[in-house]
Amino acid sequence: MKIIDKGSHAPVTEYSVGDVIQDGFSAYMIVKTSSENYAAVGLGDGYVSDEYGSLKELYHETHVSGERKVKAAVVIEGEES
């Protein structure tokens, strides 16, 4: 995944599924799990946060100051023929 960082992304005030969030240390994506809960998945290390029953609860329990939503694109690299 490639993060498109132009430095003008809005501060985070809530989470939505599919959001890519960046803080001073890492980037992570907000996901809905197979058990119908919500979690944050680290894009660098694959770490999955605890699961929460709502996006509001996930935000309340995991949000840190300085987070911002960023644009991200999936880049698929393959062999060139």
C-alpha atoms as a PDB file:
ATOM      1  CA  MET A   1       0.000   0.000   0.000  1.00  0.00           C
ATOM      2  CA  LYS A   2       1.311   3.426  -0.855  1.00  0.00           C
ATOM      3  CA  ILE A   3       0.444   6.357   1.410  1.00  0.00           C
ATOM      4  CA  ILE A   4      -0.154   9.592  -0.472  1.00  0.00           C
ATOM      5  CA  ASP A   5       1.009  12.238   1.976  1.00  0.00           C
ATOM      6  CA  LYS A   6       0.539  15.827   0.895  1.00  0.00           C
ATOM      7  CA  GLY A   7       0.539  17.190   4.425  1.00  0.00           C
ATOM      8  CA  SER A   8      -2.960  18.666   4.262  1.00  0.00           C
ATOM      9  CA  HIS A   9      -5.046  15.825   5.665  1.00  0.00           C
ATOM     10  CA  ALA A  10      -7.727  16.594   8.217  1.00  0.00           C
ATOM     11  CA  PRO A  11      -7.390  15.615  11.861  1.00  0.00           C
ATOM     12  CA  VAL A  12      -9.383  12.526  12.820  1.00  0.00           C
ATOM     13  CA  THR A  13     -12.680  13.101  14.630  1.00  0.00           C
ATOM     14  CA  GLU A  14     -14.246   9.679  13.980  1.00  0.00           C
ATOM     15  CA  TYR A  15     -13.410   6.395  12.263  1.00  0.00           C
ATOM     16  CA  SER A  16     -15.052   4.766   9.248  1.00  0.00           C
ATOM     17  CA  VAL A  17     -14.356   1.311   7.803  1.00  0.00           C
ATOM     18  CA  GLY A  18     -11.582   1.604   5.223  1.00  0.00           C
ATOM     19  CA  ASP A  19     -10.030   4.760   6.679  1.00  0.00           C
ATOM     20  CA  VAL A  20      -6.251   4.818   6.597  1.00  0.00           C
ATOM     21  CA  ILE A  21      -4.981   6.642   9.660  1.00  0.00           C
ATOM     22  CA  GLN A  22      -1.455   7.863  10.251  1.00  0.00           C
ATOM     23  CA  ASP A  23       0.066   9.030  13.501  1.00  0.00           C
ATOM     24  CA  GLY A  24       3.642   9.935  14.342  1.00  0.00           C
ATOM     25  CA  PHE A  25       4.701   6.290  14.473  1.00  0.00           C
ATOM     26  CA  SER A  26       2.642   4.178  12.069  1.00  0.00           C
ATOM     27  CA  ALA A  27      -0.211   3.851   9.606  1.00  0.00           C
ATOM     28  CA  TYR A  28      -3.194   1.594  10.072  1.00  0.00           C
ATOM     29  CA  MET A  29      -6.521   0.784   8.453  1.00  0.00           C
ATOM     30  CA  ILE A  30      -9.895   0.615  10.157  1.00  0.00           C
ATOM     31  CA  VAL A  31     -11.584  -2.728   9.396  1.00  0.00           C
ATOM     32  CA  LYS A  32     -14.729  -4.696  10.179  1.00  0.00           C
ATOM     33  CA  THR A  33     -13.840  -8.196  11.335  1.00  0.00           C
ATOM     34  CA  SER A  34     -15.514 -11.488  10.501  1.00  0.00           C
ATOM     35  CA  SER A  35     -17.075 -11.423  13.974  1.00  0.00           C
ATOM     36  CA  GLU A  36     -18.853  -8.147  13.087  1.00  0.00           C
ATOM     37  CA  ASN A  37     -16.604  -6.050  15.331  1.00  0.00           C
ATOM     38  CA  TYR A  38     -14.169  -3.266  14.440  1.00  0.00           C
ATOM     39  CA  ALA A  39     -10.379  -3.077  14.763  1.00  0.00           C
ATOM     40  CA  ALA A  40      -7.310  -1.216  13.518  1.00  0.00           C
ATOM     41  CA  VAL A  41      -4.736  -3.156  11.462  1.00  0.00           C
ATOM     42  CA  GLY A  42      -1.151  -1.877  11.331  1.00  0.00           C
ATOM     43  CA  LEU A  43      -0.018  -1.569   7.716  1.00  0.00           C
ATOM     44  CA  GLY A  44       3.658  -1.946   8.556  1.00  0.00           C
ATOM     45  CA  ASP A  45       3.567  -4.912  10.892  1.00  0.00           C
ATOM     46  CA  GLY A  46       0.091  -6.430  10.509  1.00  0.00           C
ATOM     47  CA  TYR A  47      -0.704  -5.913  14.206  1.00  0.00           C
ATOM     48  CA  VAL A  48      -4.457  -6.063  14.892  1.00  0.00           C
ATOM     49  CA  SER A  49      -5.843  -4.053  17.785  1.00  0.00           C
ATOM     50  CA  ASP A  50      -8.434  -5.376  20.202  1.00  0.00           C
ATOM     51  CA  GLU A  51     -11.886  -5.662  18.635  1.00  0.00           C
ATOM     52  CA  TYR A  52     -14.684  -3.294  19.602  1.00  0.00           C
ATOM     53  CA  GLY A  53     -18.431  -3.517  19.065  1.00  0.00           C
ATOM     54  CA  SER A  54     -18.761  -0.146  17.349  1.00  0.00           C
ATOM     55  CA  LEU A  55     -16.663   2.356  15.434  1.00  0.00           C
ATOM     56  CA  LYS A  56     -17.405   4.923  18.130  1.00  0.00           C
ATOM     57  CA  GLU A  57     -16.029   2.594  20.818  1.00  0.00           C
ATOM     58  CA  LEU A  58     -12.924   1.801  18.711  1.00  0.00           C
ATOM     59  CA  TYR A  59     -12.304   5.529  18.276  1.00  0.00           C
ATOM     60  CA  HIS A  60     -12.834   6.281  21.970  1.00  0.00           C
ATOM     61  CA  GLU A  61     -10.495   3.498  23.111  1.00  0.00           C
ATOM     62  CA  THR A  62      -7.688   3.817  20.548  1.00  0.00           C
ATOM     63  CA  HIS A  63      -7.603   7.381  19.208  1.00  0.00           C
ATOM     64  CA  VAL A  64      -4.423   9.343  19.925  1.00  0.00           C
ATOM     65  CA  SER A  65      -3.812  13.041  19.471  1.00  0.00           C
ATOM     66  CA  GLY A  66      -2.189  13.920  16.165  1.00  0.00           C
ATOM     67  CA  GLU A  67      -3.851  11.211  14.084  1.00  0.00           C
ATOM     68  CA  ARG A  68      -4.874  12.189  10.582  1.00  0.00           C
ATOM     69  CA  LYS A  69      -6.704  10.490   7.762  1.00  0.00           C
ATOM     70  CA  VAL A  70      -4.532   9.953   4.709  1.00  0.00           C
ATOM     71  CA  LYS A  71      -5.171   8.775   1.186  1.00  0.00           C
ATOM     72  CA  ALA A  72      -3.732   5.395   0.313  1.00  0.00           C
ATOM     73  CA  ALA A  73      -3.523   3.358  -2.852  1.00  0.00           C
ATOM     74  CA  VAL A  74      -2.914  -0.351  -3.224  1.00  0.00           C
ATOM     75  CA  VAL A  75       0.107  -0.971  -5.408  1.00  0.00           C
ATOM     76  CA  ILE A  76       0.415  -4.458  -6.856  1.00  0.00           C
ATOM     77  CA  GLU A  77       3.901  -5.258  -7.985  1.00  0.00           C
ATOM     78  CA  GLY A  78       4.420  -8.214 -10.233  1.00  0.00           C
ATOM     79  CA  GLU A  79       6.852  -9.665 -12.671  1.00  0.00           C
ATOM     80  CA  GLU A  80       7.176  -7.788 -15.887  1.00  0.00           C
ATOM     81  CA  SER A  81       6.951  -9.843 -19.049  1.00  0.00           C
END
